[in-house]
Amino acid sequence: MIQIENHLGTIEISQDYFAYLVGNAASSCYGVAGMVKSGARQGIRSLISRRTYADDGVRVRSQGDKLIIDLHICVIFGVNISAIAKSIVNKVRYTVEQATGLEVKKVNVFVDGMKTE
């Protein structure tokens, strides 16, 4: 749970909302074939339900009043990975900062796989 305090009171935003927001922003970038499940929680959840979720491959944590976002992605073969990573970082940072007003300290992009079309 992320908490923001201002002169009007306290705002609480769930980790699931952030993961959904970030997952959709990253998945829509050119060259991203999909998100890769990361961590035991997402692995167990996928075994039980056999579905894909928007927050697969996303981990959001806070450090002070800033956010750190980890993304695990699969890219399409033949595209420039550096360009994809820069595009994802910019889009995710912009989307989160515009939707929540919180500052993103860092976006880490991990390329865990590659798919051919």
PDB file of N, CA and C in Angstrom:
ATOM      1  N   MET A   1       0.841  -1.172   0.000  1.00  0.00           N
ATOM      2  CA  MET A   1       0.000   0.000   0.000  1.00  0.00           C
ATOM      3  C   MET A   1       0.895   1.247   0.000  1.00  0.00           C
ATOM      4  N   ILE A   2       0.660   2.143  -0.929  1.00  0.00           N
ATOM      5  CA  ILE A   2       1.383   3.412  -1.009  1.00  0.00           C
ATOM      6  C   ILE A   2       0.499   4.476  -0.367  1.00  0.00           C
ATOM      7  N   GLN A   3       1.076   5.238   0.545  1.00  0.00           N
ATOM      8  CA  GLN A   3       0.326   6.295   1.218  1.00  0.00           C
ATOM      9  C   GLN A   3       0.918   7.652   0.876  1.00  0.00           C
ATOM     10  N   ILE A   4       0.031   8.588   0.548  1.00  0.00           N
ATOM     11  CA  ILE A   4       0.413   9.961   0.237  1.00  0.00           C
ATOM     12  C   ILE A   4      -0.353  10.861   1.194  1.00  0.00           C
ATOM     13  N   GLU A   5       0.363  11.706   1.894  1.00  0.00           N
ATOM     14  CA  GLU A   5      -0.298  12.637   2.798  1.00  0.00           C
ATOM     15  C   GLU A   5      -0.186  14.046   2.244  1.00  0.00           C
ATOM     16  N   ASN A   6      -1.309  14.769   2.257  1.00  0.00           N
ATOM     17  CA  ASN A   6      -1.308  16.168   1.848  1.00  0.00           C
ATOM     18  C   ASN A   6      -2.201  16.947   2.798  1.00  0.00           C
ATOM     19  N   HIS A   7      -2.448  18.208   2.496  1.00  0.00           N
ATOM     20  CA  HIS A   7      -3.223  19.056   3.394  1.00  0.00           C
ATOM     21  C   HIS A   7      -4.688  18.640   3.504  1.00  0.00           C
ATOM     22  N   LEU A   8      -5.161  17.828   2.561  1.00  0.00           N
ATOM     23  CA  LEU A   8      -6.552  17.375   2.591  1.00  0.00           C
ATOM     24  C   LEU A   8      -6.736  16.056   3.339  1.00  0.00           C
ATOM     25  N   GLY A   9      -5.646  15.311   3.545  1.00  0.00           N
ATOM     26  CA  GLY A   9      -5.744  14.032   4.228  1.00  0.00           C
ATOM     27  C   GLY A   9      -4.768  13.024   3.662  1.00  0.00           C
ATOM     28  N   THR A  10      -5.071  11.747   3.819  1.00  0.00           N
ATOM     29  CA  THR A  10      -4.210  10.658   3.373  1.00  0.00           C
ATOM     30  C   THR A  10      -4.842   9.938   2.194  1.00  0.00           C
ATOM     31  N   ILE A  11      -4.035   9.662   1.190  1.00  0.00           N
ATOM     32  CA  ILE A  11      -4.474   8.905   0.021  1.00  0.00           C
ATOM     33  C   ILE A  11      -3.717   7.585   0.030  1.00  0.00           C
ATOM     34  N   GLU A  12      -4.433   6.488  -0.094  1.00  0.00           N
ATOM     35  CA  GLU A  12      -3.822   5.172  -0.145  1.00  0.00           C
ATOM     36  C   GLU A  12      -4.084   4.545  -1.510  1.00  0.00           C
ATOM     37  N   ILE A  13      -3.022   4.055  -2.133  1.00  0.00           N
ATOM     38  CA  ILE A  13      -3.131   3.419  -3.447  1.00  0.00           C
ATOM     39  C   ILE A  13      -2.548   2.014  -3.322  1.00  0.00           C
ATOM     40  N   SER A  14      -3.275   1.020  -3.778  1.00  0.00           N
ATOM     41  CA  SER A  14      -2.844  -0.369  -3.610  1.00  0.00           C
ATOM     42  C   SER A  14      -1.719  -0.726  -4.578  1.00  0.00           C
ATOM     43  N   GLN A  15      -0.927  -1.719  -4.175  1.00  0.00           N
ATOM     44  CA  GLN A  15       0.149  -2.238  -5.023  1.00  0.00           C
ATOM     45  C   GLN A  15      -0.427  -2.840  -6.300  1.00  0.00           C
ATOM     46  N   ASP A  16      -1.607  -3.457  -6.201  1.00  0.00           N
ATOM     47  CA  ASP A  16      -2.226  -4.083  -7.368  1.00  0.00           C
ATOM     48  C   ASP A  16      -2.572  -3.051  -8.439  1.00  0.00           C
ATOM     49  N   TYR A  17      -3.051  -1.884  -8.008  1.00  0.00           N
ATOM     50  CA  TYR A  17      -3.363  -0.825  -8.970  1.00  0.00           C
ATOM     51  C   TYR A  17      -2.099  -0.377  -9.695  1.00  0.00           C
ATOM     52  N   PHE A  18      -1.025  -0.154  -8.956  1.00  0.00           N
ATOM     53  CA  PHE A  18       0.229   0.254  -9.591  1.00  0.00           C
ATOM     54  C   PHE A  18       0.720  -0.802 -10.573  1.00  0.00           C
ATOM     55  N   ALA A  19       0.676  -2.060 -10.156  1.00  0.00           N
ATOM     56  CA  ALA A  19       1.145  -3.131 -11.028  1.00  0.00           C
ATOM     57  C   ALA A  19       0.299  -3.205 -12.299  1.00  0.00           C
ATOM     58  N   TYR A  20      -1.017  -3.034 -12.179  1.00  0.00           N
ATOM     59  CA  TYR A  20      -1.904  -3.052 -13.343  1.00  0.00           C
ATOM     60  C   TYR A  20      -1.593  -1.871 -14.268  1.00  0.00           C
ATOM     61  N   LEU A  21      -1.424  -0.687 -13.703  1.00  0.00           N
ATOM     62  CA  LEU A  21      -1.114   0.517 -14.470  1.00  0.00           C
ATOM     63  C   LEU A  21       0.203   0.367 -15.228  1.00  0.00           C
ATOM     64  N   VAL A  22       1.229  -0.094 -14.535  1.00  0.00           N
ATOM     65  CA  VAL A  22       2.556  -0.260 -15.136  1.00  0.00           C
ATOM     66  C   VAL A  22       2.541  -1.382 -16.172  1.00  0.00           C
ATOM     67  N   GLY A  23       1.884  -2.487 -15.864  1.00  0.00           N
ATOM     68  CA  GLY A  23       1.826  -3.610 -16.803  1.00  0.00           C
ATOM     69  C   GLY A  23       1.178  -3.233 -18.119  1.00  0.00           C
ATOM     70  N   ASN A  24       0.094  -2.483 -18.068  1.00  0.00           N
ATOM     71  CA  ASN A  24      -0.566  -2.041 -19.297  1.00  0.00           C
ATOM     72  C   ASN A  24       0.306  -1.069 -20.088  1.00  0.00           C
ATOM     73  N   ALA A  25       0.984  -0.155 -19.400  1.00  0.00           N
ATOM     74  CA  ALA A  25       1.849   0.816 -20.079  1.00  0.00           C
ATOM     75  C   ALA A  25       3.017   0.109 -20.768  1.00  0.00           C
ATOM     76  N   ALA A  26       3.638  -0.839 -20.087  1.00  0.00           N
ATOM     77  CA  ALA A  26       4.791  -1.540 -20.662  1.00  0.00           C
ATOM     78  C   ALA A  26       4.380  -2.460 -21.799  1.00  0.00           C
ATOM     79  N   SER A  27       3.264  -3.156 -21.649  1.00  0.00           N
ATOM     80  CA  SER A  27       2.822  -4.102 -22.678  1.00  0.00           C
ATOM     81  C   SER A  27       2.463  -3.414 -23.983  1.00  0.00           C
ATOM     82  N   SER A  28       2.055  -2.167 -23.914  1.00  0.00           N
ATOM     83  CA  SER A  28       1.627  -1.464 -25.119  1.00  0.00           C
ATOM     84  C   SER A  28       2.796  -0.873 -25.910  1.00  0.00           C
ATOM     85  N   CYS A  29       4.009  -0.957 -25.402  1.00  0.00           N
ATOM     86  CA  CYS A  29       5.178  -0.421 -26.118  1.00  0.00           C
ATOM     87  C   CYS A  29       5.558  -1.324 -27.285  1.00  0.00           C
ATOM     88  N   TYR A  30       6.035  -0.700 -28.364  1.00  0.00           N
ATOM     89  CA  TYR A  30       6.452  -1.439 -29.550  1.00  0.00           C
ATOM     90  C   TYR A  30       7.620  -2.362 -29.216  1.00  0.00           C
ATOM     91  N   GLY A  31       7.554  -3.597 -29.686  1.00  0.00           N
ATOM     92  CA  GLY A  31       8.634  -4.545 -29.500  1.00  0.00           C
ATOM     93  C   GLY A  31       8.472  -5.445 -28.299  1.00  0.00           C
ATOM     94  N   VAL A  32       7.509  -5.157 -27.440  1.00  0.00           N
ATOM     95  CA  VAL A  32       7.283  -5.995 -26.259  1.00  0.00           C
ATOM     96  C   VAL A  32       6.324  -7.118 -26.650  1.00  0.00           C
ATOM     97  N   ALA A  33       6.812  -8.353 -26.553  1.00  0.00           N
ATOM     98  CA  ALA A  33       5.984  -9.514 -26.885  1.00  0.00           C
ATOM     99  C   ALA A  33       5.076  -9.888 -25.722  1.00  0.00           C
ATOM    100  N   GLY A  34       5.474  -9.511 -24.519  1.00  0.00           N
ATOM    101  CA  GLY A  34       4.658  -9.814 -23.350  1.00  0.00           C
ATOM    102  C   GLY A  34       5.451  -9.632 -22.080  1.00  0.00           C
ATOM    103  N   MET A  35       4.761  -9.819 -20.995  1.00  0.00           N
ATOM    104  CA  MET A  35       5.393  -9.725 -19.688  1.00  0.00           C
ATOM    105  C   MET A  35       5.719 -11.149 -19.224  1.00  0.00           C
ATOM    106  N   VAL A  36       6.794 -11.273 -18.451  1.00  0.00           N
ATOM    107  CA  VAL A  36       7.232 -12.571 -17.945  1.00  0.00           C
ATOM    108  C   VAL A  36       6.982 -12.606 -16.447  1.00  0.00           C
ATOM    109  N   LYS A  37       6.386 -13.682 -15.972  1.00  0.00           N
ATOM    110  CA  LYS A  37       6.088 -13.795 -14.543  1.00  0.00           C
ATOM    111  C   LYS A  37       7.384 -13.745 -13.738  1.00  0.00           C
ATOM    112  N   SER A  38       7.344 -12.998 -12.650  1.00  0.00           N
ATOM    113  CA  SER A  38       8.526 -12.897 -11.785  1.00  0.00           C
ATOM    114  C   SER A  38       8.103 -13.129 -10.348  1.00  0.00           C
ATOM    115  N   GLY A  39       8.883 -13.879  -9.656  1.00  0.00           N
ATOM    116  CA  GLY A  39       8.608 -14.120  -8.248  1.00  0.00           C
ATOM    117  C   GLY A  39       7.720 -15.329  -8.020  1.00  0.00           C
ATOM    118  N   ALA A  40       7.765 -15.818  -6.807  1.00  0.00           N
ATOM    119  CA  ALA A  40       7.010 -17.015  -6.437  1.00  0.00           C
ATOM    120  C   ALA A  40       5.507 -16.764  -6.439  1.00  0.00           C
ATOM    121  N   ARG A  41       5.095 -15.583  -5.996  1.00  0.00           N
ATOM    122  CA  ARG A  41       3.655 -15.277  -5.917  1.00  0.00           C
ATOM    123  C   ARG A  41       3.001 -15.350  -7.292  1.00  0.00           C
ATOM    124  N   GLN A  42       3.638 -14.741  -8.295  1.00  0.00           N
ATOM    125  CA  GLN A  42       3.053 -14.748  -9.638  1.00  0.00           C
ATOM    126  C   GLN A  42       3.117 -16.145 -10.255  1.00  0.00           C
ATOM    127  N   GLY A  43       4.168 -16.899  -9.947  1.00  0.00           N
ATOM    128  CA  GLY A  43       4.281 -18.261 -10.463  1.00  0.00           C
ATOM    129  C   GLY A  43       3.196 -19.180  -9.914  1.00  0.00           C
ATOM    130  N   ILE A  44       2.967 -19.105  -8.622  1.00  0.00           N
ATOM    131  CA  ILE A  44       1.934 -19.927  -7.992  1.00  0.00           C
ATOM    132  C   ILE A  44       0.559 -19.523  -8.482  1.00  0.00           C
ATOM    133  N   ARG A  45       0.331 -18.225  -8.606  1.00  0.00           N
ATOM    134  CA  ARG A  45      -0.959 -17.734  -9.080  1.00  0.00           C
ATOM    135  C   ARG A  45      -1.251 -18.239 -10.491  1.00  0.00           C
ATOM    136  N   SER A  46      -0.221 -18.281 -11.352  1.00  0.00           N
ATOM    137  CA  SER A  46      -0.446 -18.739 -12.728  1.00  0.00           C
ATOM    138  C   SER A  46      -0.701 -20.245 -12.782  1.00  0.00           C
ATOM    139  N   LEU A  47      -0.111 -21.008 -11.863  1.00  0.00           N
ATOM    140  CA  LEU A  47      -0.373 -22.445 -11.823  1.00  0.00           C
ATOM    141  C   LEU A  47      -1.807 -22.738 -11.390  1.00  0.00           C
ATOM    142  N   ILE A  48      -2.302 -21.938 -10.475  1.00  0.00           N
ATOM    143  CA  ILE A  48      -3.650 -22.158  -9.945  1.00  0.00           C
ATOM    144  C   ILE A  48      -4.719 -21.727 -10.942  1.00  0.00           C
ATOM    145  N   SER A  49      -4.564 -20.535 -11.536  1.00  0.00           N
ATOM    146  CA  SER A  49      -5.652 -19.991 -12.350  1.00  0.00           C
ATOM    147  C   SER A  49      -5.479 -20.175 -13.858  1.00  0.00           C
ATOM    148  N   ARG A  50      -4.257 -20.423 -14.319  1.00  0.00           N
ATOM    149  CA  ARG A  50      -3.997 -20.609 -15.762  1.00  0.00           C
ATOM    150  C   ARG A  50      -4.432 -19.425 -16.616  1.00  0.00           C
ATOM    151  N   ARG A  51      -4.373 -18.211 -16.062  1.00  0.00           N
ATOM    152  CA  ARG A  51      -4.708 -16.993 -16.807  1.00  0.00           C
ATOM    153  C   ARG A  51      -3.494 -16.084 -16.832  1.00  0.00           C
ATOM    154  N   THR A  52      -3.575 -15.074 -17.664  1.00  0.00           N
ATOM    155  CA  THR A  52      -2.553 -14.026 -17.627  1.00  0.00           C
ATOM    156  C   THR A  52      -3.153 -12.805 -16.949  1.00  0.00           C
ATOM    157  N   TYR A  53      -2.334 -12.094 -16.237  1.00  0.00           N
ATOM    158  CA  TYR A  53      -2.760 -10.912 -15.507  1.00  0.00           C
ATOM    159  C   TYR A  53      -1.965  -9.714 -15.998  1.00  0.00           C
ATOM    160  N   ALA A  54      -2.520  -8.528 -15.839  1.00  0.00           N
ATOM    161  CA  ALA A  54      -1.850  -7.305 -16.278  1.00  0.00           C
ATOM    162  C   ALA A  54      -0.621  -7.013 -15.443  1.00  0.00           C
ATOM    163  N   ASP A  55      -0.571  -7.538 -14.223  1.00  0.00           N
ATOM    164  CA  ASP A  55       0.574  -7.246 -13.362  1.00  0.00           C
ATOM    165  C   ASP A  55       1.665  -8.311 -13.419  1.00  0.00           C
ATOM    166  N   ASP A  56       1.572  -9.254 -14.356  1.00  0.00           N
ATOM    167  CA  ASP A  56       2.640 -10.241 -14.508  1.00  0.00           C
ATOM    168  C   ASP A  56       3.945  -9.537 -14.836  1.00  0.00           C
ATOM    169  N   GLY A  57       5.010  -9.893 -14.146  1.00  0.00           N
ATOM    170  CA  GLY A  57       6.319  -9.323 -14.410  1.00  0.00           C
ATOM    171  C   GLY A  57       6.538  -7.935 -13.856  1.00  0.00           C
ATOM    172  N   VAL A  58       5.665  -7.471 -12.976  1.00  0.00           N
ATOM    173  CA  VAL A  58       5.761  -6.110 -12.443  1.00  0.00           C
ATOM    174  C   VAL A  58       5.944  -6.171 -10.929  1.00  0.00           C
ATOM    175  N   ARG A  59       6.901  -5.397 -10.447  1.00  0.00           N
ATOM    176  CA  ARG A  59       7.073  -5.235  -8.996  1.00  0.00           C
ATOM    177  C   ARG A  59       7.253  -3.751  -8.729  1.00  0.00           C
ATOM    178  N   VAL A  60       6.421  -3.205  -7.856  1.00  0.00           N
ATOM    179  CA  VAL A  60       6.482  -1.790  -7.489  1.00  0.00           C
ATOM    180  C   VAL A  60       6.768  -1.708  -6.003  1.00  0.00           C
ATOM    181  N   ARG A  61       7.774  -0.922  -5.647  1.00  0.00           N
ATOM    182  CA  ARG A  61       8.081  -0.694  -4.244  1.00  0.00           C
ATOM    183  C   ARG A  61       8.398   0.768  -4.029  1.00  0.00           C
ATOM    184  N   SER A  62       8.264   1.214  -2.805  1.00  0.00           N
ATOM    185  CA  SER A  62       8.529   2.621  -2.516  1.00  0.00           C
ATOM    186  C   SER A  62       9.803   2.748  -1.698  1.00  0.00           C
ATOM    187  N   GLN A  63      10.501   3.839  -1.958  1.00  0.00           N
ATOM    188  CA  GLN A  63      11.700   4.175  -1.197  1.00  0.00           C
ATOM    189  C   GLN A  63      11.547   5.640  -0.810  1.00  0.00           C
ATOM    190  N   GLY A  64      11.168   5.856   0.432  1.00  0.00           N
ATOM    191  CA  GLY A  64      10.831   7.207   0.850  1.00  0.00           C
ATOM    192  C   GLY A  64       9.528   7.610   0.198  1.00  0.00           C
ATOM    193  N   ASP A  65       9.534   8.734  -0.499  1.00  0.00           N
ATOM    194  CA  ASP A  65       8.322   9.175  -1.195  1.00  0.00           C
ATOM    195  C   ASP A  65       8.415   8.946  -2.702  1.00  0.00           C
ATOM    196  N   LYS A  66       9.366   8.120  -3.135  1.00  0.00           N
ATOM    197  CA  LYS A  66       9.543   7.827  -4.563  1.00  0.00           C
ATOM    198  C   LYS A  66       9.320   6.341  -4.815  1.00  0.00           C
ATOM    199  N   LEU A  67       9.045   6.000  -6.071  1.00  0.00           N
ATOM    200  CA  LEU A  67       8.765   4.619  -6.452  1.00  0.00           C
ATOM    201  C   LEU A  67       9.917   4.021  -7.241  1.00  0.00           C
ATOM    202  N   ILE A  68      10.127   2.735  -7.051  1.00  0.00           N
ATOM    203  CA  ILE A  68      11.070   1.958  -7.853  1.00  0.00           C
ATOM    204  C   ILE A  68      10.258   0.845  -8.501  1.00  0.00           C
ATOM    205  N   ILE A  69      10.372   0.724  -9.815  1.00  0.00           N
ATOM    206  CA  ILE A  69       9.566  -0.227 -10.583  1.00  0.00           C
ATOM    207  C   ILE A  69      10.482  -1.212 -11.290  1.00  0.00           C
ATOM    208  N   ASP A  70      10.229  -2.508 -11.105  1.00  0.00           N
ATOM    209  CA  ASP A  70      10.955  -3.567 -11.804  1.00  0.00           C
ATOM    210  C   ASP A  70      10.012  -4.222 -12.800  1.00  0.00           C
ATOM    211  N   LEU A  71      10.476  -4.369 -14.043  1.00  0.00           N
ATOM    212  CA  LEU A  71       9.681  -4.985 -15.107  1.00  0.00           C
ATOM    213  C   LEU A  71      10.445  -6.153 -15.714  1.00  0.00           C
ATOM    214  N   HIS A  72       9.776  -7.264 -15.896  1.00  0.00           N
ATOM    215  CA  HIS A  72      10.350  -8.431 -16.563  1.00  0.00           C
ATOM    216  C   HIS A  72       9.562  -8.632 -17.847  1.00  0.00           C
ATOM    217  N   ILE A  73      10.261  -8.492 -18.993  1.00  0.00           N
ATOM    218  CA  ILE A  73       9.569  -8.521 -20.285  1.00  0.00           C
ATOM    219  C   ILE A  73      10.160  -9.572 -21.212  1.00  0.00           C
ATOM    220  N   CYS A  74       9.403  -9.860 -22.254  1.00  0.00           N
ATOM    221  CA  CYS A  74       9.834 -10.689 -23.367  1.00  0.00           C
ATOM    222  C   CYS A  74       9.723  -9.817 -24.613  1.00  0.00           C
ATOM    223  N   VAL A  75      10.778  -9.796 -25.435  1.00  0.00           N
ATOM    224  CA  VAL A  75      10.802  -8.920 -26.609  1.00  0.00           C
ATOM    225  C   VAL A  75      10.665  -9.733 -27.887  1.00  0.00           C
ATOM    226  N   ILE A  76      10.345  -9.039 -28.963  1.00  0.00           N
ATOM    227  CA  ILE A  76      10.245  -9.649 -30.286  1.00  0.00           C
ATOM    228  C   ILE A  76      11.641  -9.712 -30.896  1.00  0.00           C
ATOM    229  N   PHE A  77      11.982 -10.854 -31.483  1.00  0.00           N
ATOM    230  CA  PHE A  77      13.289 -11.053 -32.086  1.00  0.00           C
ATOM    231  C   PHE A  77      13.543 -10.027 -33.198  1.00  0.00           C
ATOM    232  N   GLY A  78      14.731  -9.453 -33.206  1.00  0.00           N
ATOM    233  CA  GLY A  78      15.140  -8.552 -34.267  1.00  0.00           C
ATOM    234  C   GLY A  78      14.959  -7.078 -33.973  1.00  0.00           C
ATOM    235  N   VAL A  79      14.364  -6.724 -32.854  1.00  0.00           N
ATOM    236  CA  VAL A  79      14.194  -5.310 -32.520  1.00  0.00           C
ATOM    237  C   VAL A  79      15.340  -4.862 -31.606  1.00  0.00           C
ATOM    238  N   ASN A  80      15.581  -3.583 -31.598  1.00  0.00           N
ATOM    239  CA  ASN A  80      16.647  -3.010 -30.800  1.00  0.00           C
ATOM    240  C   ASN A  80      16.230  -2.991 -29.325  1.00  0.00           C
ATOM    241  N   ILE A  81      16.885  -3.803 -28.517  1.00  0.00           N
ATOM    242  CA  ILE A  81      16.513  -3.946 -27.106  1.00  0.00           C
ATOM    243  C   ILE A  81      16.748  -2.647 -26.345  1.00  0.00           C
ATOM    244  N   SER A  82      17.811  -1.955 -26.647  1.00  0.00           N
ATOM    245  CA  SER A  82      18.095  -0.687 -25.975  1.00  0.00           C
ATOM    246  C   SER A  82      17.003   0.339 -26.235  1.00  0.00           C
ATOM    247  N   ALA A  83      16.537   0.412 -27.468  1.00  0.00           N
ATOM    248  CA  ALA A  83      15.468   1.356 -27.810  1.00  0.00           C
ATOM    249  C   ALA A  83      14.164   0.975 -27.125  1.00  0.00           C
ATOM    250  N   ILE A  84      13.877  -0.323 -27.047  1.00  0.00           N
ATOM    251  CA  ILE A  84      12.664  -0.783 -26.370  1.00  0.00           C
ATOM    252  C   ILE A  84      12.722  -0.406 -24.893  1.00  0.00           C
ATOM    253  N   ALA A  85      13.862  -0.658 -24.259  1.00  0.00           N
ATOM    254  CA  ALA A  85      14.008  -0.365 -22.832  1.00  0.00           C
ATOM    255  C   ALA A  85      13.835   1.129 -22.553  1.00  0.00           C
ATOM    256  N   LYS A  86      14.433   1.968 -23.377  1.00  0.00           N
ATOM    257  CA  LYS A  86      14.284   3.417 -23.185  1.00  0.00           C
ATOM    258  C   LYS A  86      12.834   3.848 -23.358  1.00  0.00           C
ATOM    259  N   SER A  87      12.159   3.280 -24.349  1.00  0.00           N
ATOM    260  CA  SER A  87      10.761   3.602 -24.588  1.00  0.00           C
ATOM    261  C   SER A  87       9.894   3.189 -23.401  1.00  0.00           C
ATOM    262  N   ILE A  88      10.140   2.004 -22.868  1.00  0.00           N
ATOM    263  CA  ILE A  88       9.374   1.514 -21.721  1.00  0.00           C
ATOM    264  C   ILE A  88       9.605   2.401 -20.509  1.00  0.00           C
ATOM    265  N   VAL A  89      10.856   2.736 -20.238  1.00  0.00           N
ATOM    266  CA  VAL A  89      11.174   3.578 -19.079  1.00  0.00           C
ATOM    267  C   VAL A  89      10.434   4.912 -19.171  1.00  0.00           C
ATOM    268  N   ASN A  90      10.488   5.550 -20.341  1.00  0.00           N
ATOM    269  CA  ASN A  90       9.822   6.845 -20.510  1.00  0.00           C
ATOM    270  C   ASN A  90       8.307   6.741 -20.379  1.00  0.00           C
ATOM    271  N   LYS A  91       7.718   5.731 -21.016  1.00  0.00           N
ATOM    272  CA  LYS A  91       6.262   5.598 -20.988  1.00  0.00           C
ATOM    273  C   LYS A  91       5.753   5.243 -19.599  1.00  0.00           C
ATOM    274  N   VAL A  92       6.425   4.324 -18.923  1.00  0.00           N
ATOM    275  CA  VAL A  92       6.001   3.918 -17.585  1.00  0.00           C
ATOM    276  C   VAL A  92       6.147   5.085 -16.608  1.00  0.00           C
ATOM    277  N   ARG A  93       7.276   5.781 -16.668  1.00  0.00           N
ATOM    278  CA  ARG A  93       7.484   6.925 -15.776  1.00  0.00           C
ATOM    279  C   ARG A  93       6.402   7.987 -15.989  1.00  0.00           C
ATOM    280  N   TYR A  94       6.131   8.322 -17.246  1.00  0.00           N
ATOM    281  CA  TYR A  94       5.128   9.339 -17.560  1.00  0.00           C
ATOM    282  C   TYR A  94       3.737   8.890 -17.088  1.00  0.00           C
ATOM    283  N   THR A  95       3.370   7.646 -17.391  1.00  0.00           N
ATOM    284  CA  THR A  95       2.045   7.135 -17.034  1.00  0.00           C
ATOM    285  C   THR A  95       1.822   7.154 -15.529  1.00  0.00           C
ATOM    286  N   VAL A  96       2.788   6.667 -14.775  1.00  0.00           N
ATOM    287  CA  VAL A  96       2.638   6.607 -13.320  1.00  0.00           C
ATOM    288  C   VAL A  96       2.605   8.004 -12.714  1.00  0.00           C
ATOM    289  N   GLU A  97       3.492   8.879 -13.163  1.00  0.00           N
ATOM    290  CA  GLU A  97       3.530  10.226 -12.593  1.00  0.00           C
ATOM    291  C   GLU A  97       2.270  11.017 -12.925  1.00  0.00           C
ATOM    292  N   GLN A  98       1.714  10.821 -14.116  1.00  0.00           N
ATOM    293  CA  GLN A  98       0.489  11.524 -14.484  1.00  0.00           C
ATOM    294  C   GLN A  98      -0.731  10.963 -13.763  1.00  0.00           C
ATOM    295  N   ALA A  99      -0.779   9.645 -13.574  1.00  0.00           N
ATOM    296  CA  ALA A  99      -1.951   9.021 -12.966  1.00  0.00           C
ATOM    297  C   ALA A  99      -1.989   9.190 -11.451  1.00  0.00           C
ATOM    298  N   THR A 100      -0.818   9.247 -10.817  1.00  0.00           N
ATOM    299  CA  THR A 100      -0.794   9.246  -9.352  1.00  0.00           C
ATOM    300  C   THR A 100      -0.208  10.497  -8.728  1.00  0.00           C
ATOM    301  N   GLY A 101       0.623  11.218  -9.459  1.00  0.00           N
ATOM    302  CA  GLY A 101       1.296  12.378  -8.882  1.00  0.00           C
ATOM    303  C   GLY A 101       2.531  12.014  -8.089  1.00  0.00           C
ATOM    304  N   LEU A 102       2.872  10.726  -8.032  1.00  0.00           N
ATOM    305  CA  LEU A 102       4.076  10.292  -7.327  1.00  0.00           C
ATOM    306  C   LEU A 102       5.277  10.308  -8.255  1.00  0.00           C
ATOM    307  N   GLU A 103       6.442  10.571  -7.701  1.00  0.00           N
ATOM    308  CA  GLU A 103       7.664  10.612  -8.497  1.00  0.00           C
ATOM    309  C   GLU A 103       8.252   9.210  -8.605  1.00  0.00           C
ATOM    310  N   VAL A 104       8.665   8.837  -9.814  1.00  0.00           N
ATOM    311  CA  VAL A 104       9.301   7.550 -10.059  1.00  0.00           C
ATOM    312  C   VAL A 104      10.810   7.765 -10.011  1.00  0.00           C
ATOM    313  N   LYS A 105      11.459   7.090  -9.075  1.00  0.00           N
ATOM    314  CA  LYS A 105      12.901   7.229  -8.919  1.00  0.00           C
ATOM    315  C   LYS A 105      13.641   6.429  -9.986  1.00  0.00           C
ATOM    316  N   LYS A 106      13.171   5.188 -10.211  1.00  0.00           N
ATOM    317  CA  LYS A 106      13.897   4.314 -11.122  1.00  0.00           C
ATOM    318  C   LYS A 106      12.957   3.294 -11.737  1.00  0.00           C
ATOM    319  N   VAL A 107      13.180   2.973 -13.017  1.00  0.00           N
ATOM    320  CA  VAL A 107      12.476   1.892 -13.693  1.00  0.00           C
ATOM    321  C   VAL A 107      13.533   0.923 -14.198  1.00  0.00           C
ATOM    322  N   ASN A 108      13.528  -0.292 -13.665  1.00  0.00           N
ATOM    323  CA  ASN A 108      14.464  -1.328 -14.079  1.00  0.00           C
ATOM    324  C   ASN A 108      13.766  -2.262 -15.052  1.00  0.00           C
ATOM    325  N   VAL A 109      14.347  -2.450 -16.238  1.00  0.00           N
ATOM    326  CA  VAL A 109      13.767  -3.331 -17.250  1.00  0.00           C
ATOM    327  C   VAL A 109      14.668  -4.546 -17.406  1.00  0.00           C
ATOM    328  N   PHE A 110      14.118  -5.735 -17.178  1.00  0.00           N
ATOM    329  CA  PHE A 110      14.844  -6.991 -17.316  1.00  0.00           C
ATOM    330  C   PHE A 110      14.258  -7.734 -18.511  1.00  0.00           C
ATOM    331  N   VAL A 111      15.091  -8.048 -19.494  1.00  0.00           N
ATOM    332  CA  VAL A 111      14.642  -8.809 -20.660  1.00  0.00           C
ATOM    333  C   VAL A 111      14.880 -10.278 -20.340  1.00  0.00           C
ATOM    334  N   ASP A 112      13.796 -11.019 -20.112  1.00  0.00           N
ATOM    335  CA  ASP A 112      13.883 -12.422 -19.700  1.00  0.00           C
ATOM    336  C   ASP A 112      13.622 -13.397 -20.836  1.00  0.00           C
ATOM    337  N   GLY A 113      13.239 -12.912 -22.000  1.00  0.00           N
ATOM    338  CA  GLY A 113      12.964 -13.821 -23.091  1.00  0.00           C
ATOM    339  C   GLY A 113      12.839 -13.097 -24.414  1.00  0.00           C
ATOM    340  N   MET A 114      12.796 -13.916 -25.478  1.00  0.00           N
ATOM    341  CA  MET A 114      12.681 -13.366 -26.832  1.00  0.00           C
ATOM    342  C   MET A 114      11.778 -14.284 -27.630  1.00  0.00           C
ATOM    343  N   LYS A 115      10.870 -13.703 -28.418  1.00  0.00           N
ATOM    344  CA  LYS A 115       9.955 -14.498 -29.242  1.00  0.00           C
ATOM    345  C   LYS A 115      10.120 -14.112 -30.693  1.00  0.00           C
ATOM    346  N   THR A 116       9.925 -15.085 -31.572  1.00  0.00           N
ATOM    347  CA  THR A 116       9.894 -14.795 -32.997  1.00  0.00           C
ATOM    348  C   THR A 116       8.435 -14.588 -33.388  1.00  0.00           C
ATOM    349  N   GLU A 117       8.217 -13.815 -34.410  1.00  0.00           N
ATOM    350  CA  GLU A 117       6.828 -13.521 -34.808  1.00  0.00           C
ATOM    351  C   GLU A 117       6.216 -14.637 -35.540  1.00  0.00           C
TER     352      GLU A 117
END
